[in-house]
N, C-alpha and C. Protein backbone atom coordinates (compact mmCIF):
# COMPACT_ATOMS: atom_id res chain seq x y z
N MET A 1 -38.75 -4.72 -24.26
CA MET A 1 -38.16 -3.52 -24.18
C MET A 1 -38.21 -3.56 -22.40
N ILE A 2 -37.17 -2.94 -21.59
CA ILE A 2 -37.07 -3.09 -20.44
C ILE A 2 -37.58 -1.83 -19.88
N SER A 3 -38.61 -1.71 -18.85
CA SER A 3 -39.20 -0.48 -18.53
C SER A 3 -38.20 0.60 -17.60
N GLY A 4 -38.64 1.79 -17.66
CA GLY A 4 -37.73 2.53 -16.63
C GLY A 4 -37.78 2.13 -15.17
N SER A 5 -38.75 1.41 -14.62
CA SER A 5 -38.72 1.18 -13.13
C SER A 5 -37.77 -0.14 -13.13
N ILE A 6 -37.71 -0.97 -14.26
CA ILE A 6 -36.82 -2.09 -14.02
C ILE A 6 -35.33 -1.62 -14.22
N TRP A 7 -35.00 -0.60 -14.98
CA TRP A 7 -33.90 -0.09 -15.17
C TRP A 7 -33.30 0.62 -13.80
N GLN A 8 -34.15 1.04 -13.05
CA GLN A 8 -33.97 1.82 -11.84
C GLN A 8 -33.27 0.69 -10.60
N TYR A 9 -34.03 -0.37 -10.82
CA TYR A 9 -33.33 -1.57 -10.03
C TYR A 9 -31.99 -2.02 -10.52
N ILE A 10 -31.83 -2.34 -11.55
CA ILE A 10 -30.69 -2.71 -12.51
C ILE A 10 -29.54 -1.86 -12.06
N SER A 11 -29.79 -0.30 -12.24
CA SER A 11 -28.77 0.61 -11.90
C SER A 11 -28.57 0.55 -10.37
N ALA A 12 -29.42 0.39 -9.51
CA ALA A 12 -29.04 0.33 -8.26
C ALA A 12 -28.27 -0.91 -7.73
N GLY A 13 -28.55 -1.91 -8.43
CA GLY A 13 -27.77 -3.03 -8.04
C GLY A 13 -26.34 -2.80 -8.80
N ILE A 14 -26.06 -2.35 -9.93
CA ILE A 14 -24.85 -2.18 -10.43
C ILE A 14 -23.93 -1.26 -9.54
N ILE A 15 -24.61 -0.04 -9.14
CA ILE A 15 -23.94 0.77 -8.21
C ILE A 15 -23.69 0.10 -6.86
N LEU A 16 -24.56 -0.44 -6.18
CA LEU A 16 -24.28 -0.80 -4.95
C LEU A 16 -23.30 -2.16 -5.03
N GLY A 17 -23.41 -2.84 -6.08
CA GLY A 17 -22.32 -4.02 -6.35
C GLY A 17 -21.05 -3.65 -6.42
N LEU A 18 -20.81 -2.63 -7.46
CA LEU A 18 -19.32 -2.07 -7.76
C LEU A 18 -19.06 -1.26 -6.48
N THR A 19 -19.79 -0.63 -5.69
CA THR A 19 -19.10 0.27 -4.73
C THR A 19 -18.91 -0.70 -3.37
N SER A 20 -19.39 -1.85 -3.26
CA SER A 20 -19.38 -3.00 -2.47
C SER A 20 -18.18 -3.79 -2.79
N GLY A 21 -17.93 -3.99 -4.11
CA GLY A 21 -16.78 -4.74 -4.51
C GLY A 21 -15.45 -3.97 -4.60
N ILE A 22 -15.41 -2.76 -4.57
CA ILE A 22 -14.09 -2.01 -4.60
C ILE A 22 -13.85 -1.29 -3.16
N SER A 23 -14.71 -1.36 -2.28
CA SER A 23 -14.63 -0.50 -1.26
C SER A 23 -13.58 -1.32 -0.08
N PRO A 24 -12.49 -0.58 0.45
CA PRO A 24 -11.58 -1.54 1.37
C PRO A 24 -12.55 -2.17 2.50
N GLY A 25 -12.01 -3.54 2.54
CA GLY A 25 -12.81 -4.30 3.40
C GLY A 25 -12.10 -5.62 3.60
N PRO A 26 -12.48 -6.61 4.45
CA PRO A 26 -11.73 -7.81 4.75
C PRO A 26 -11.61 -8.55 3.61
N LEU A 27 -12.77 -8.69 2.86
CA LEU A 27 -12.83 -9.70 1.84
C LEU A 27 -11.83 -9.14 0.54
N LEU A 28 -11.89 -7.81 0.13
CA LEU A 28 -11.16 -7.38 -0.69
C LEU A 28 -9.63 -7.58 -0.29
N THR A 29 -9.33 -7.45 0.87
CA THR A 29 -7.90 -7.50 1.60
C THR A 29 -7.46 -9.01 1.33
N LEU A 30 -8.57 -9.90 1.54
CA LEU A 30 -8.12 -11.38 1.56
C LEU A 30 -7.88 -11.77 -0.04
N VAL A 31 -8.41 -10.99 -1.00
CA VAL A 31 -8.29 -11.36 -2.23
C VAL A 31 -6.85 -11.01 -2.79
N LEU A 32 -6.63 -9.51 -2.44
CA LEU A 32 -5.29 -9.16 -2.56
C LEU A 32 -4.22 -10.21 -1.91
N ASN A 33 -4.46 -10.55 -0.44
CA ASN A 33 -3.50 -11.45 0.11
C ASN A 33 -3.45 -12.83 -0.57
N GLN A 34 -4.48 -13.56 -0.94
CA GLN A 34 -4.31 -14.89 -1.70
C GLN A 34 -3.76 -14.55 -3.19
N THR A 35 -3.97 -13.68 -3.84
CA THR A 35 -3.38 -13.40 -5.05
C THR A 35 -1.88 -13.24 -5.17
N ILE A 36 -1.41 -12.53 -3.93
CA ILE A 36 -0.05 -12.34 -4.04
C ILE A 36 0.77 -13.49 -3.34
N ARG A 37 0.07 -14.22 -2.44
CA ARG A 37 0.82 -15.22 -2.03
C ARG A 37 0.71 -16.71 -2.83
N HIS A 38 -0.31 -16.70 -3.73
CA HIS A 38 -0.34 -17.85 -4.54
C HIS A 38 -0.51 -17.25 -5.95
N ASN A 39 -1.70 -17.02 -6.56
CA ASN A 39 -1.97 -16.77 -7.93
C ASN A 39 -3.27 -16.16 -8.02
N LYS A 40 -3.64 -15.61 -9.12
CA LYS A 40 -5.06 -15.02 -9.34
C LYS A 40 -6.14 -15.89 -9.46
N ALA A 41 -6.11 -17.27 -9.52
CA ALA A 41 -7.03 -18.32 -9.29
C ALA A 41 -7.49 -18.36 -7.71
N GLU A 42 -6.45 -18.34 -7.14
CA GLU A 42 -6.94 -18.13 -5.48
C GLU A 42 -7.75 -17.14 -4.94
N GLY A 43 -7.07 -15.81 -5.56
CA GLY A 43 -7.82 -14.59 -5.20
C GLY A 43 -9.12 -14.69 -5.96
N ILE A 44 -9.33 -15.29 -7.00
CA ILE A 44 -10.82 -15.26 -7.66
C ILE A 44 -11.69 -16.26 -6.80
N LYS A 45 -11.13 -17.35 -6.10
CA LYS A 45 -11.84 -18.16 -5.38
C LYS A 45 -12.49 -17.27 -3.93
N VAL A 46 -11.64 -16.29 -3.34
CA VAL A 46 -12.13 -15.61 -2.56
C VAL A 46 -13.18 -14.57 -2.87
N ALA A 47 -13.00 -14.26 -4.10
CA ALA A 47 -14.00 -13.33 -4.75
C ALA A 47 -15.53 -13.80 -4.94
N LEU A 48 -15.14 -15.30 -5.20
CA LEU A 48 -16.72 -15.87 -5.33
C LEU A 48 -17.38 -16.13 -4.08
N SER A 49 -16.55 -16.22 -2.99
CA SER A 49 -17.31 -16.53 -1.71
C SER A 49 -18.70 -16.09 -1.43
N PRO A 50 -18.97 -14.82 -1.96
CA PRO A 50 -20.37 -14.35 -1.63
C PRO A 50 -21.44 -15.05 -2.31
N LEU A 51 -21.15 -15.80 -3.24
CA LEU A 51 -22.16 -16.70 -4.08
C LEU A 51 -22.74 -17.82 -3.05
N ILE A 52 -21.66 -18.28 -2.16
CA ILE A 52 -21.76 -19.40 -1.21
C ILE A 52 -22.53 -18.78 0.23
N THR A 53 -22.12 -17.76 0.49
CA THR A 53 -22.40 -17.33 2.16
C THR A 53 -23.65 -16.29 2.08
N ASP A 54 -23.71 -15.68 0.81
CA ASP A 54 -25.07 -14.62 0.84
C ASP A 54 -26.54 -15.18 1.02
N LEU A 55 -26.47 -16.36 0.34
CA LEU A 55 -28.01 -16.88 0.38
C LEU A 55 -28.60 -17.07 1.81
N PRO A 56 -27.70 -17.89 2.59
CA PRO A 56 -28.18 -17.86 4.00
C PRO A 56 -28.03 -16.47 4.61
N ILE A 57 -27.22 -15.74 4.36
CA ILE A 57 -27.29 -14.25 5.14
C ILE A 57 -28.68 -13.60 4.87
N ILE A 58 -28.86 -13.82 3.38
CA ILE A 58 -30.25 -12.98 2.68
C ILE A 58 -31.33 -13.66 3.77
N LEU A 59 -31.45 -14.77 3.66
CA LEU A 59 -32.47 -15.69 4.51
C LEU A 59 -32.51 -15.23 5.91
N ILE A 60 -31.21 -15.05 6.71
CA ILE A 60 -31.38 -14.72 8.00
C ILE A 60 -31.77 -13.42 8.23
N THR A 61 -31.25 -12.34 7.36
CA THR A 61 -31.79 -10.94 7.35
C THR A 61 -33.26 -10.81 7.21
N VAL A 62 -33.86 -11.65 6.33
CA VAL A 62 -35.17 -11.49 6.08
C VAL A 62 -35.84 -12.00 7.32
N LEU A 63 -35.37 -12.93 8.16
CA LEU A 63 -36.09 -13.26 9.46
C LEU A 63 -35.73 -12.31 10.45
N ILE A 64 -34.81 -11.94 10.48
CA ILE A 64 -34.40 -10.96 11.71
C ILE A 64 -34.96 -9.62 11.45
N LEU A 65 -35.51 -9.29 10.29
CA LEU A 65 -36.14 -8.17 10.13
C LEU A 65 -37.33 -7.91 10.97
N GLY A 66 -37.92 -9.22 11.44
CA GLY A 66 -39.12 -9.15 12.04
C GLY A 66 -38.82 -9.42 13.58
N ARG A 67 -37.46 -9.40 13.92
CA ARG A 67 -37.12 -9.66 15.26
C ARG A 67 -36.00 -8.81 15.63
N LEU A 68 -36.18 -7.45 15.57
CA LEU A 68 -35.13 -6.50 15.74
C LEU A 68 -34.46 -6.39 17.11
N ALA A 69 -35.27 -6.93 17.98
CA ALA A 69 -34.84 -6.81 19.55
C ALA A 69 -33.52 -7.70 19.62
N ARG A 70 -33.50 -8.90 18.70
CA ARG A 70 -32.24 -9.81 18.95
C ARG A 70 -31.14 -9.29 18.17
N PHE A 71 -31.32 -8.51 17.10
CA PHE A 71 -30.51 -7.91 16.10
C PHE A 71 -29.04 -7.56 16.56
N ASP A 72 -29.25 -6.67 17.53
CA ASP A 72 -27.74 -6.20 18.22
C ASP A 72 -26.80 -7.15 18.61
N MET A 73 -27.81 -8.16 19.41
CA MET A 73 -26.76 -9.22 20.06
C MET A 73 -26.11 -10.35 18.99
N PHE A 74 -26.95 -10.46 18.06
CA PHE A 74 -26.68 -11.40 16.96
C PHE A 74 -25.45 -10.79 16.25
N LEU A 75 -25.58 -9.36 15.73
CA LEU A 75 -24.37 -8.84 15.20
C LEU A 75 -23.17 -8.80 16.07
N ALA A 76 -23.40 -8.66 17.51
CA ALA A 76 -22.24 -8.55 18.32
C ALA A 76 -21.42 -9.96 18.34
N VAL A 77 -22.06 -10.87 18.35
CA VAL A 77 -21.59 -12.24 18.33
C VAL A 77 -20.94 -12.47 16.97
N ILE A 78 -21.41 -12.03 15.73
CA ILE A 78 -20.85 -12.17 14.60
C ILE A 78 -19.56 -11.33 14.50
N SER A 79 -19.63 -10.31 15.18
CA SER A 79 -18.51 -9.22 15.02
C SER A 79 -17.18 -9.58 15.81
N PHE A 80 -17.71 -10.43 16.97
CA PHE A 80 -16.50 -11.05 18.02
C PHE A 80 -15.99 -12.01 17.17
N ALA A 81 -16.47 -12.92 16.48
CA ALA A 81 -16.02 -14.16 15.86
C ALA A 81 -15.21 -13.61 14.62
N GLY A 82 -15.65 -12.75 13.87
CA GLY A 82 -15.03 -12.06 12.63
C GLY A 82 -13.58 -11.42 13.21
N ALA A 83 -13.68 -10.95 14.29
CA ALA A 83 -12.56 -10.11 14.91
C ALA A 83 -11.41 -11.24 15.07
N ILE A 84 -11.65 -12.35 15.72
CA ILE A 84 -10.69 -13.32 15.83
C ILE A 84 -10.16 -14.00 14.86
N PHE A 85 -11.23 -14.30 13.75
CA PHE A 85 -10.65 -14.76 12.42
C PHE A 85 -9.84 -14.07 11.83
N LEU A 86 -10.14 -12.59 11.53
CA LEU A 86 -9.25 -11.68 10.87
C LEU A 86 -7.73 -11.42 11.45
N ALA A 87 -8.05 -11.53 12.98
CA ALA A 87 -6.74 -11.27 13.70
C ALA A 87 -5.78 -12.24 13.27
N TYR A 88 -6.41 -13.62 13.12
CA TYR A 88 -5.77 -14.90 12.73
C TYR A 88 -5.02 -14.70 11.30
N LEU A 89 -5.85 -14.26 10.49
CA LEU A 89 -5.31 -14.05 8.95
C LEU A 89 -4.16 -12.94 9.02
N GLY A 90 -4.41 -12.20 9.83
CA GLY A 90 -3.36 -10.83 9.79
C GLY A 90 -2.14 -11.34 10.43
N ILE A 91 -1.98 -11.96 11.52
CA ILE A 91 -0.84 -12.56 11.94
C ILE A 91 -0.32 -13.47 11.00
N GLU A 92 -1.16 -14.20 10.28
CA GLU A 92 -0.28 -15.18 9.28
C GLU A 92 0.32 -14.29 8.33
N SER A 93 -0.31 -13.30 7.92
CA SER A 93 0.38 -12.46 6.94
C SER A 93 1.69 -11.85 7.40
N LEU A 94 1.74 -11.46 8.60
CA LEU A 94 2.75 -10.71 9.09
C LEU A 94 3.87 -11.85 9.33
N ARG A 95 3.64 -13.12 9.33
CA ARG A 95 4.61 -13.84 9.54
C ARG A 95 5.21 -14.36 8.29
N THR A 96 5.07 -13.80 6.93
CA THR A 96 5.39 -14.21 5.84
C THR A 96 6.65 -13.87 5.86
N ARG A 97 7.59 -14.80 5.24
CA ARG A 97 9.15 -14.48 5.22
C ARG A 97 9.74 -14.47 3.86
N GLU A 98 8.96 -14.81 2.91
CA GLU A 98 9.84 -14.87 1.40
C GLU A 98 8.83 -14.62 0.28
N LEU A 99 8.97 -14.11 -0.81
CA LEU A 99 8.26 -14.20 -2.08
C LEU A 99 8.30 -15.43 -2.66
N SER A 100 7.12 -15.97 -3.15
CA SER A 100 6.99 -17.12 -3.93
C SER A 100 6.06 -16.88 -5.10
N ILE A 101 6.51 -16.71 -6.26
CA ILE A 101 5.77 -16.42 -7.39
C ILE A 101 5.27 -17.76 -8.04
N ARG A 102 6.07 -18.79 -7.68
CA ARG A 102 5.72 -19.90 -8.45
C ARG A 102 4.32 -20.46 -7.93
N LEU A 103 3.47 -21.02 -8.71
CA LEU A 103 2.16 -21.63 -8.40
C LEU A 103 2.12 -22.53 -7.24
N GLN A 104 1.35 -22.37 -6.38
CA GLN A 104 1.30 -23.33 -5.20
C GLN A 104 0.42 -24.56 -5.39
N THR A 105 1.04 -25.70 -5.18
CA THR A 105 0.25 -26.89 -5.52
C THR A 105 -0.46 -27.39 -4.31
N SER A 106 -0.10 -27.20 -3.04
CA SER A 106 -0.77 -27.27 -1.72
C SER A 106 -2.19 -26.46 -1.61
N ASP A 107 -2.92 -27.04 -0.84
CA ASP A 107 -4.31 -26.37 -0.68
C ASP A 107 -4.15 -25.35 0.02
N SER A 108 -4.47 -24.12 -0.70
CA SER A 108 -4.35 -22.62 0.39
C SER A 108 -5.86 -22.23 1.08
N GLY A 109 -6.46 -23.10 0.55
CA GLY A 109 -7.93 -23.09 1.28
C GLY A 109 -8.44 -21.57 1.03
N SER A 110 -8.24 -20.99 -0.16
CA SER A 110 -8.77 -19.78 -0.44
C SER A 110 -10.32 -19.53 -0.48
N LEU A 111 -10.67 -20.56 -0.99
CA LEU A 111 -12.55 -20.42 -0.81
C LEU A 111 -12.78 -20.51 0.67
N LYS A 112 -12.34 -21.39 1.28
CA LYS A 112 -12.79 -21.61 2.87
C LYS A 112 -12.60 -20.52 3.46
N LYS A 113 -11.38 -19.58 3.22
CA LYS A 113 -11.19 -18.35 4.07
C LYS A 113 -12.02 -17.35 3.53
N GLY A 114 -12.30 -17.35 2.34
CA GLY A 114 -13.25 -16.32 1.83
C GLY A 114 -14.54 -16.37 2.46
N ILE A 115 -15.05 -17.76 2.37
CA ILE A 115 -16.55 -18.00 3.20
C ILE A 115 -16.29 -17.70 4.54
N ILE A 116 -15.28 -18.12 5.28
CA ILE A 116 -15.32 -17.80 6.73
C ILE A 116 -15.37 -16.35 7.06
N ALA A 117 -14.57 -15.53 6.25
CA ALA A 117 -14.28 -14.01 6.41
C ALA A 117 -15.73 -13.30 6.16
N ASN A 118 -16.38 -13.87 4.99
CA ASN A 118 -17.51 -13.01 4.66
C ASN A 118 -18.47 -13.37 5.44
N PHE A 119 -18.68 -14.69 6.15
CA PHE A 119 -19.87 -14.84 6.98
C PHE A 119 -19.76 -14.61 8.10
N LEU A 120 -18.51 -14.08 8.74
CA LEU A 120 -18.39 -13.58 9.93
C LEU A 120 -18.30 -12.06 10.05
N ASN A 121 -18.34 -11.57 8.72
CA ASN A 121 -18.42 -10.16 8.54
C ASN A 121 -19.73 -9.63 8.72
N PRO A 122 -19.86 -8.62 9.73
CA PRO A 122 -21.25 -7.93 9.83
C PRO A 122 -21.83 -7.30 8.71
N SER A 123 -20.98 -6.75 8.02
CA SER A 123 -21.31 -5.92 6.81
C SER A 123 -22.39 -6.38 5.96
N PRO A 124 -22.12 -7.85 5.56
CA PRO A 124 -23.36 -8.27 4.58
C PRO A 124 -24.87 -8.36 5.21
N TYR A 125 -24.68 -8.54 6.63
CA TYR A 125 -25.78 -8.75 7.40
C TYR A 125 -26.47 -7.28 7.50
N LEU A 126 -25.69 -6.36 7.70
CA LEU A 126 -26.13 -4.92 7.71
C LEU A 126 -26.74 -4.52 6.69
N PHE A 127 -26.05 -4.87 5.49
CA PHE A 127 -26.25 -4.47 4.06
C PHE A 127 -27.81 -4.87 3.64
N TRP A 128 -27.91 -6.27 3.95
CA TRP A 128 -29.02 -6.83 3.37
C TRP A 128 -30.32 -6.86 4.42
N ALA A 129 -30.10 -6.40 5.61
CA ALA A 129 -30.82 -6.13 6.45
C ALA A 129 -31.37 -4.54 6.30
N THR A 130 -30.75 -3.66 5.88
CA THR A 130 -30.95 -2.25 5.90
C THR A 130 -31.13 -1.90 4.32
N VAL A 131 -30.47 -2.55 3.45
CA VAL A 131 -30.51 -1.84 2.16
C VAL A 131 -31.13 -3.00 1.08
N GLY A 132 -30.18 -4.18 0.96
CA GLY A 132 -30.32 -5.33 0.20
C GLY A 132 -31.76 -5.77 -0.17
N THR A 133 -32.36 -6.33 1.12
CA THR A 133 -33.53 -6.98 1.09
C THR A 133 -34.81 -6.19 1.00
N PRO A 134 -34.73 -4.97 1.79
CA PRO A 134 -35.86 -4.02 1.38
C PRO A 134 -36.04 -3.70 -0.10
N LEU A 135 -34.83 -3.57 -0.73
CA LEU A 135 -35.08 -3.15 -2.19
C LEU A 135 -35.40 -4.44 -2.91
N MET A 136 -34.92 -5.49 -2.74
CA MET A 136 -35.24 -6.78 -3.43
C MET A 136 -36.87 -6.97 -3.38
N LEU A 137 -37.13 -6.71 -2.05
CA LEU A 137 -38.76 -6.97 -2.08
C LEU A 137 -39.50 -6.04 -2.51
N LYS A 138 -39.03 -4.72 -2.53
CA LYS A 138 -39.74 -3.84 -3.40
C LYS A 138 -39.61 -3.89 -4.69
N ALA A 139 -38.53 -4.51 -5.34
CA ALA A 139 -38.59 -4.76 -6.67
C ALA A 139 -39.49 -5.96 -6.88
N TYR A 140 -39.72 -6.90 -5.93
CA TYR A 140 -40.44 -7.98 -6.30
C TYR A 140 -41.98 -7.68 -6.32
N LYS A 141 -42.24 -6.19 -5.82
CA LYS A 141 -43.41 -5.91 -5.72
C LYS A 141 -43.86 -5.38 -7.32
N THR A 142 -42.85 -5.07 -8.09
CA THR A 142 -43.20 -4.99 -9.44
C THR A 142 -43.48 -6.15 -10.24
N ASP A 143 -42.35 -6.76 -10.23
CA ASP A 143 -42.58 -8.27 -10.73
C ASP A 143 -41.44 -9.06 -10.24
N LEU A 144 -41.22 -10.49 -10.58
CA LEU A 144 -40.42 -11.28 -10.20
C LEU A 144 -39.04 -10.97 -10.94
N LEU A 145 -39.15 -10.75 -12.31
CA LEU A 145 -38.05 -10.34 -13.06
C LEU A 145 -37.15 -9.30 -12.62
N THR A 146 -37.93 -8.34 -12.13
CA THR A 146 -37.20 -7.03 -11.70
C THR A 146 -36.19 -7.36 -10.56
N SER A 147 -36.98 -8.24 -9.49
CA SER A 147 -36.12 -8.66 -8.40
C SER A 147 -35.04 -9.42 -8.78
N ILE A 148 -34.94 -10.40 -9.80
CA ILE A 148 -33.97 -11.23 -10.35
C ILE A 148 -32.84 -10.40 -11.06
N LEU A 149 -33.43 -9.14 -11.71
CA LEU A 149 -32.20 -8.52 -12.44
C LEU A 149 -31.55 -7.76 -11.47
N PHE A 150 -32.17 -7.40 -10.38
CA PHE A 150 -31.62 -6.52 -9.36
C PHE A 150 -30.48 -7.38 -8.83
N MET A 151 -30.93 -8.45 -8.39
CA MET A 151 -29.80 -9.53 -7.61
C MET A 151 -28.74 -9.72 -8.63
N MET A 152 -28.94 -9.98 -9.98
CA MET A 152 -27.84 -10.44 -10.86
C MET A 152 -27.02 -9.14 -10.97
N SER A 153 -27.60 -7.89 -11.15
CA SER A 153 -26.72 -6.91 -11.61
C SER A 153 -25.86 -6.66 -10.24
N PHE A 154 -26.32 -6.86 -9.05
CA PHE A 154 -25.51 -6.75 -7.78
C PHE A 154 -24.29 -7.57 -7.69
N TYR A 155 -24.34 -8.89 -7.85
CA TYR A 155 -23.57 -9.88 -8.01
C TYR A 155 -22.35 -9.83 -9.03
N VAL A 156 -22.83 -9.72 -10.27
CA VAL A 156 -22.06 -9.46 -11.20
C VAL A 156 -21.13 -8.24 -10.97
N PHE A 157 -21.54 -7.27 -10.61
CA PHE A 157 -20.49 -6.20 -10.06
C PHE A 157 -19.87 -6.33 -8.92
N LEU A 158 -20.48 -7.04 -7.86
CA LEU A 158 -19.52 -7.18 -6.87
C LEU A 158 -18.60 -8.21 -6.67
N ILE A 159 -18.66 -9.16 -7.72
CA ILE A 159 -17.89 -10.27 -7.79
C ILE A 159 -16.89 -9.87 -9.10
N GLY A 160 -17.63 -9.27 -9.98
CA GLY A 160 -16.54 -9.11 -11.14
C GLY A 160 -15.51 -8.01 -10.75
N SER A 161 -15.85 -6.99 -9.90
CA SER A 161 -14.86 -6.09 -9.53
C SER A 161 -13.71 -6.59 -8.88
N LYS A 162 -14.09 -7.76 -7.80
CA LYS A 162 -12.93 -8.26 -7.17
C LYS A 162 -12.08 -9.10 -8.05
N VAL A 163 -12.74 -9.92 -9.07
CA VAL A 163 -11.93 -10.58 -9.87
C VAL A 163 -11.10 -9.87 -10.80
N VAL A 164 -11.46 -8.57 -11.31
CA VAL A 164 -10.80 -7.55 -11.86
C VAL A 164 -9.37 -7.34 -11.14
N VAL A 165 -9.70 -6.87 -9.92
CA VAL A 165 -8.36 -6.60 -8.96
C VAL A 165 -7.61 -7.88 -8.88
N ALA A 166 -7.89 -9.13 -8.64
CA ALA A 166 -7.32 -10.26 -8.55
C ALA A 166 -6.22 -10.40 -9.90
N PHE A 167 -6.93 -10.20 -11.17
CA PHE A 167 -6.09 -10.09 -12.40
C PHE A 167 -5.11 -9.18 -12.44
N LEU A 168 -5.41 -7.84 -11.87
CA LEU A 168 -4.62 -6.64 -12.03
C LEU A 168 -3.30 -7.03 -11.10
N VAL A 169 -3.59 -7.34 -10.00
CA VAL A 169 -2.59 -7.74 -8.72
C VAL A 169 -1.67 -8.81 -9.19
N ASP A 170 -2.43 -9.98 -9.90
CA ASP A 170 -1.52 -11.08 -10.40
C ASP A 170 -0.42 -10.77 -11.30
N ARG A 171 -0.90 -9.94 -12.24
CA ARG A 171 0.09 -9.19 -13.39
C ARG A 171 1.05 -8.41 -12.68
N THR A 172 0.85 -7.50 -11.66
CA THR A 172 1.86 -6.61 -10.93
C THR A 172 2.69 -7.29 -10.27
N LYS A 173 2.16 -8.46 -9.80
CA LYS A 173 3.35 -9.27 -8.79
C LYS A 173 4.29 -9.79 -9.45
N GLN A 174 4.21 -9.88 -10.72
CA GLN A 174 5.59 -10.53 -11.37
C GLN A 174 6.76 -9.70 -11.56
N PHE A 175 6.33 -8.26 -11.19
CA PHE A 175 7.60 -7.31 -11.15
C PHE A 175 7.81 -6.89 -9.75
N MET A 176 7.41 -7.54 -8.70
CA MET A 176 7.83 -7.26 -7.36
C MET A 176 8.88 -7.89 -7.06
N ASN A 177 9.74 -7.16 -6.30
CA ASN A 177 10.79 -7.68 -5.68
C ASN A 177 10.66 -8.05 -4.19
N GLN A 178 11.70 -8.62 -3.63
CA GLN A 178 11.58 -9.41 -2.14
C GLN A 178 11.10 -8.52 -1.20
N LYS A 179 11.89 -7.38 -1.26
CA LYS A 179 11.44 -6.27 -0.03
C LYS A 179 10.22 -5.74 -0.23
N PHE A 180 9.61 -5.28 -1.46
CA PHE A 180 8.34 -4.66 -1.52
C PHE A 180 7.32 -5.81 -1.31
N TYR A 181 7.45 -7.04 -1.52
CA TYR A 181 6.63 -8.03 -1.41
C TYR A 181 6.37 -8.36 0.11
N LEU A 182 7.49 -8.22 0.79
CA LEU A 182 7.46 -8.47 2.18
C LEU A 182 6.61 -7.12 2.92
N ILE A 183 6.84 -5.95 2.46
CA ILE A 183 6.28 -4.80 3.02
C ILE A 183 4.73 -4.73 2.62
N LEU A 184 4.43 -5.37 1.42
CA LEU A 184 2.92 -5.25 1.01
C LEU A 184 2.24 -6.34 1.88
N MET A 185 2.80 -7.51 1.97
CA MET A 185 2.23 -8.59 3.17
C MET A 185 2.05 -8.15 4.38
N ARG A 186 3.19 -7.64 4.84
CA ARG A 186 2.95 -6.88 6.22
C ARG A 186 1.98 -5.80 6.53
N THR A 187 1.95 -5.17 5.37
CA THR A 187 0.77 -4.07 5.28
C THR A 187 -0.48 -4.72 5.36
N LEU A 188 -0.69 -5.80 4.36
CA LEU A 188 -2.03 -6.43 4.45
C LEU A 188 -2.32 -7.08 5.71
N GLY A 189 -1.24 -7.50 6.41
CA GLY A 189 -1.48 -8.28 7.77
C GLY A 189 -2.00 -7.22 8.76
N ILE A 190 -1.26 -6.00 8.83
CA ILE A 190 -1.60 -5.00 9.73
C ILE A 190 -3.14 -4.33 9.35
N VAL A 191 -3.52 -4.37 7.95
CA VAL A 191 -4.93 -3.87 7.75
C VAL A 191 -6.00 -4.86 8.20
N LEU A 192 -5.61 -6.26 7.91
CA LEU A 192 -6.65 -7.33 8.61
C LEU A 192 -6.76 -7.10 9.98
N ILE A 193 -5.56 -6.89 10.66
CA ILE A 193 -5.63 -6.66 12.35
C ILE A 193 -6.55 -5.51 12.57
N ILE A 194 -6.26 -4.32 11.97
CA ILE A 194 -7.07 -3.16 12.16
C ILE A 194 -8.56 -3.61 11.83
N PHE A 195 -8.89 -4.42 10.86
CA PHE A 195 -10.23 -4.57 10.61
C PHE A 195 -10.69 -5.53 11.64
N SER A 196 -9.88 -6.39 12.33
CA SER A 196 -10.43 -7.17 13.40
C SER A 196 -10.62 -6.22 14.85
N LEU A 197 -9.77 -5.22 14.81
CA LEU A 197 -10.06 -4.38 16.03
C LEU A 197 -11.23 -3.62 15.94
N ILE A 198 -11.82 -3.28 14.59
CA ILE A 198 -12.89 -2.44 14.23
C ILE A 198 -13.99 -3.47 14.32
N PHE A 199 -13.98 -4.79 14.20
CA PHE A 199 -14.99 -5.81 14.41
C PHE A 199 -15.38 -5.71 16.04
N LEU A 200 -14.35 -5.75 16.29
CA LEU A 200 -14.33 -5.95 18.06
C LEU A 200 -14.86 -4.58 18.48
N TYR A 201 -14.73 -3.60 18.11
CA TYR A 201 -15.00 -2.35 18.56
C TYR A 201 -16.57 -2.13 18.34
N GLU A 202 -17.02 -2.76 16.85
CA GLU A 202 -18.65 -2.57 16.46
C GLU A 202 -19.03 -3.74 17.61
N GLY A 203 -18.53 -4.90 17.79
CA GLY A 203 -19.28 -5.72 18.62
C GLY A 203 -19.74 -5.13 19.91
N LEU A 204 -18.51 -4.49 20.54
CA LEU A 204 -18.95 -3.88 21.82
C LEU A 204 -19.87 -2.83 21.80
N LYS A 205 -19.99 -2.00 20.57
CA LYS A 205 -21.15 -1.10 20.61
C LYS A 205 -22.48 -1.71 20.34
N TYR A 206 -22.51 -2.85 19.67
CA TYR A 206 -23.86 -3.69 19.71
C TYR A 206 -24.11 -3.96 20.98
N LEU A 207 -23.20 -4.64 21.84
CA LEU A 207 -23.83 -4.82 23.12
C LEU A 207 -24.33 -3.75 24.17
N LYS A 208 -23.77 -2.55 23.91
CA LYS A 208 -24.13 -1.37 24.79
C LYS A 208 -25.34 -0.90 24.06
N ALA A 209 -25.66 -1.15 22.68
CA ALA A 209 -26.90 -0.56 22.19
C ALA A 209 -28.01 -1.00 22.86
């Protein structure tokens, strides 16, 4: 039987994972973008990118927790790099000219885009530095199983919620007309550019801190 303290960490993982998964952000926008432009498989590839990017992010945040003096400069550099990449993705969406529902056989680079977008997003660093890593270490003080269950519940709901979004959007896109598609893609492009400006602003704030 799972004890109350373990359930506490599982519940925390579920809530944090679900909240992070469905909250508006560059990765969720990219899931929508790739699903609409290609198919649900490409959106799912983006959704899976945290499984690749987050391990080094967790290791980095564990290390920088002991070096807070360098933390702001590090996040500033990450923010500026993220701003440039998101601006590129936004411009790419704004340049969309036509609806293509057929499956794309060319390499869409969805997983690579997801990895870059997530790795250059300061949010995972902030989350693991301020919430995730402290919770994980606290869970580990209970026992190793508690820490593992916390991580598993977090990622199941973080990735699972984005996968569900990809499935829903893929079904809906079959009913899209050309005009609506172009409006949606350009809206997503604008959203990505707005995120790039937010990242730029956050980077400037980190430099002034």
